Amino acid sequence: MKKLFLSITAVAILIFLSLGCVTKQVWTDKTRAEPYQERIISFYTNLDKKEMVFIGDKYHYIF
């Protein structure tokens, strides 16, 4: 039982340590935020004015 626990712990530690290498590969320049311009076509509010929606050419924003 103790041998199984040590084996599972060793595998879990190896997986955890290898995640650092994977994370570095995920965050490349392609995934970084780039500035963009968005033209707002219209905006709406609901009756109690707790939410506001902006409609753009490409994206819609809900606040």
N, C-alpha and C. Protein backbone atom coordinates (compact mmCIF):
# COMPACT_ATOMS: atom_id res chain seq x y z
N MET A 1 0.83 -1.19 0.00
CA MET A 1 0.00 0.00 0.00
C MET A 1 0.87 1.26 0.00
N LYS A 2 1.95 1.21 0.81
CA LYS A 2 2.84 2.35 0.88
C LYS A 2 3.58 2.55 -0.45
N LYS A 3 3.90 1.45 -1.11
CA LYS A 3 4.59 1.51 -2.40
C LYS A 3 3.68 2.15 -3.46
N LEU A 4 2.40 1.81 -3.44
CA LEU A 4 1.44 2.39 -4.37
C LEU A 4 1.29 3.89 -4.13
N PHE A 5 1.21 4.28 -2.87
CA PHE A 5 1.09 5.70 -2.53
C PHE A 5 2.31 6.48 -3.01
N LEU A 6 3.50 5.94 -2.81
CA LEU A 6 4.72 6.61 -3.25
C LEU A 6 4.77 6.71 -4.77
N SER A 7 4.32 5.68 -5.47
CA SER A 7 4.31 5.71 -6.93
C SER A 7 3.34 6.77 -7.45
N ILE A 8 2.16 6.83 -6.88
CA ILE A 8 1.16 7.82 -7.30
C ILE A 8 1.66 9.23 -6.98
N THR A 9 2.27 9.41 -5.84
CA THR A 9 2.81 10.71 -5.46
C THR A 9 3.92 11.14 -6.42
N ALA A 10 4.80 10.22 -6.78
CA ALA A 10 5.89 10.53 -7.70
C ALA A 10 5.35 10.93 -9.07
N VAL A 11 4.35 10.22 -9.56
CA VAL A 11 3.75 10.55 -10.85
C VAL A 11 3.07 11.91 -10.78
N ALA A 12 2.37 12.19 -9.70
CA ALA A 12 1.70 13.48 -9.55
C ALA A 12 2.71 14.63 -9.52
N ILE A 13 3.83 14.43 -8.84
CA ILE A 13 4.87 15.46 -8.79
C ILE A 13 5.47 15.69 -10.16
N LEU A 14 5.73 14.63 -10.90
CA LEU A 14 6.29 14.77 -12.25
C LEU A 14 5.33 15.51 -13.18
N ILE A 15 4.05 15.20 -13.08
CA ILE A 15 3.06 15.90 -13.91
C ILE A 15 3.00 17.37 -13.52
N PHE A 16 3.00 17.64 -12.23
CA PHE A 16 2.95 19.03 -11.77
C PHE A 16 4.17 19.82 -12.23
N LEU A 17 5.35 19.23 -12.16
CA LEU A 17 6.56 19.92 -12.57
C LEU A 17 6.62 20.14 -14.08
N SER A 18 6.03 19.24 -14.85
CA SER A 18 6.06 19.40 -16.30
C SER A 18 5.07 20.45 -16.80
N LEU A 19 4.13 20.86 -15.97
CA LEU A 19 3.16 21.88 -16.38
C LEU A 19 3.82 23.23 -16.62
N GLY A 20 4.91 23.52 -15.96
CA GLY A 20 5.61 24.77 -16.17
C GLY A 20 6.11 24.91 -17.59
N CYS A 21 6.60 23.83 -18.17
CA CYS A 21 7.07 23.87 -19.56
C CYS A 21 5.90 24.06 -20.53
N VAL A 22 4.80 23.41 -20.25
CA VAL A 22 3.64 23.53 -21.13
C VAL A 22 3.08 24.95 -21.07
N THR A 23 3.01 25.52 -19.88
CA THR A 23 2.46 26.87 -19.73
C THR A 23 3.28 27.88 -20.50
N LYS A 24 4.59 27.73 -20.52
CA LYS A 24 5.45 28.67 -21.24
C LYS A 24 5.17 28.61 -22.74
N GLN A 25 4.87 27.43 -23.27
CA GLN A 25 4.58 27.29 -24.69
C GLN A 25 3.22 27.87 -25.05
N VAL A 26 2.29 27.89 -24.12
CA VAL A 26 0.95 28.41 -24.40
C VAL A 26 0.98 29.92 -24.56
N TRP A 27 1.77 30.61 -23.74
CA TRP A 27 1.79 32.07 -23.74
C TRP A 27 2.82 32.60 -24.71
N THR A 28 2.56 32.45 -25.98
CA THR A 28 3.43 33.02 -27.00
C THR A 28 2.89 34.37 -27.42
N ASP A 29 3.58 35.02 -28.34
CA ASP A 29 3.13 36.34 -28.80
C ASP A 29 1.79 36.28 -29.52
N LYS A 30 1.43 35.14 -30.04
CA LYS A 30 0.15 35.01 -30.75
C LYS A 30 -1.04 35.12 -29.81
N THR A 31 -0.85 34.77 -28.55
CA THR A 31 -1.97 34.78 -27.61
C THR A 31 -2.03 36.07 -26.80
N ARG A 32 -1.11 36.98 -26.98
CA ARG A 32 -1.13 38.23 -26.22
C ARG A 32 -2.16 39.18 -26.81
N ALA A 33 -2.70 40.00 -25.96
CA ALA A 33 -3.72 40.95 -26.39
C ALA A 33 -3.10 42.03 -27.28
N GLU A 34 -3.76 42.32 -28.36
CA GLU A 34 -3.32 43.37 -29.26
C GLU A 34 -4.38 44.46 -29.30
N PRO A 35 -3.97 45.71 -29.36
CA PRO A 35 -4.96 46.78 -29.42
C PRO A 35 -5.76 46.73 -30.72
N TYR A 36 -6.99 47.13 -30.64
CA TYR A 36 -7.85 47.17 -31.82
C TYR A 36 -8.81 48.34 -31.69
N GLN A 37 -9.39 48.71 -32.80
CA GLN A 37 -10.38 49.78 -32.80
C GLN A 37 -11.74 49.17 -33.12
N GLU A 38 -12.73 49.57 -32.36
CA GLU A 38 -14.08 49.05 -32.54
C GLU A 38 -15.03 50.23 -32.67
N ARG A 39 -15.83 50.22 -33.70
CA ARG A 39 -16.82 51.28 -33.89
C ARG A 39 -18.11 50.84 -33.22
N ILE A 40 -18.60 51.66 -32.28
CA ILE A 40 -19.85 51.36 -31.58
C ILE A 40 -21.00 51.84 -32.44
N ILE A 41 -21.89 50.90 -32.79
CA ILE A 41 -23.04 51.22 -33.64
C ILE A 41 -24.18 51.78 -32.79
N SER A 42 -24.45 51.12 -31.66
CA SER A 42 -25.53 51.58 -30.80
C SER A 42 -25.30 51.07 -29.39
N PHE A 43 -26.09 51.57 -28.44
CA PHE A 43 -26.04 51.06 -27.08
C PHE A 43 -27.45 51.05 -26.50
N TYR A 44 -27.66 50.15 -25.57
CA TYR A 44 -28.98 49.95 -24.96
C TYR A 44 -28.83 49.84 -23.45
N THR A 45 -29.87 50.23 -22.73
CA THR A 45 -29.95 49.99 -21.29
C THR A 45 -31.31 49.37 -21.00
N ASN A 46 -31.38 48.61 -19.92
CA ASN A 46 -32.69 48.07 -19.53
C ASN A 46 -33.42 49.09 -18.66
N LEU A 47 -34.65 48.81 -18.30
CA LEU A 47 -35.49 49.80 -17.62
C LEU A 47 -34.95 50.21 -16.26
N ASP A 48 -34.37 49.29 -15.51
CA ASP A 48 -33.85 49.66 -14.19
C ASP A 48 -32.41 50.18 -14.27
N LYS A 49 -31.86 50.27 -15.45
CA LYS A 49 -30.54 50.86 -15.73
C LYS A 49 -29.42 50.17 -14.95
N LYS A 50 -29.56 48.87 -14.76
CA LYS A 50 -28.50 48.11 -14.11
C LYS A 50 -27.55 47.48 -15.12
N GLU A 51 -27.97 47.37 -16.35
CA GLU A 51 -27.13 46.78 -17.39
C GLU A 51 -27.10 47.69 -18.60
N MET A 52 -25.95 47.68 -19.28
CA MET A 52 -25.80 48.46 -20.50
C MET A 52 -25.14 47.57 -21.54
N VAL A 53 -25.61 47.65 -22.78
CA VAL A 53 -25.09 46.83 -23.87
C VAL A 53 -24.60 47.76 -24.97
N PHE A 54 -23.36 47.54 -25.41
CA PHE A 54 -22.81 48.27 -26.54
C PHE A 54 -22.70 47.32 -27.72
N ILE A 55 -23.23 47.70 -28.87
CA ILE A 55 -23.19 46.89 -30.08
C ILE A 55 -22.14 47.49 -31.00
N GLY A 56 -21.14 46.69 -31.33
CA GLY A 56 -20.08 47.15 -32.22
C GLY A 56 -20.12 46.40 -33.54
N ASP A 57 -19.21 46.77 -34.44
CA ASP A 57 -19.13 46.09 -35.73
C ASP A 57 -18.78 44.61 -35.56
N LYS A 58 -17.80 44.33 -34.71
CA LYS A 58 -17.31 42.96 -34.57
C LYS A 58 -17.69 42.33 -33.23
N TYR A 59 -17.71 43.13 -32.17
CA TYR A 59 -17.97 42.60 -30.83
C TYR A 59 -19.14 43.32 -30.18
N HIS A 60 -19.73 42.68 -29.18
CA HIS A 60 -20.78 43.27 -28.36
C HIS A 60 -20.30 43.22 -26.91
N TYR A 61 -20.58 44.27 -26.15
CA TYR A 61 -20.12 44.36 -24.78
C TYR A 61 -21.32 44.53 -23.86
N ILE A 62 -21.36 43.75 -22.78
CA ILE A 62 -22.45 43.82 -21.82
C ILE A 62 -21.86 44.18 -20.47
N PHE A 63 -22.34 45.28 -19.89
CA PHE A 63 -21.88 45.73 -18.58
C PHE A 63 -23.04 45.82 -17.63
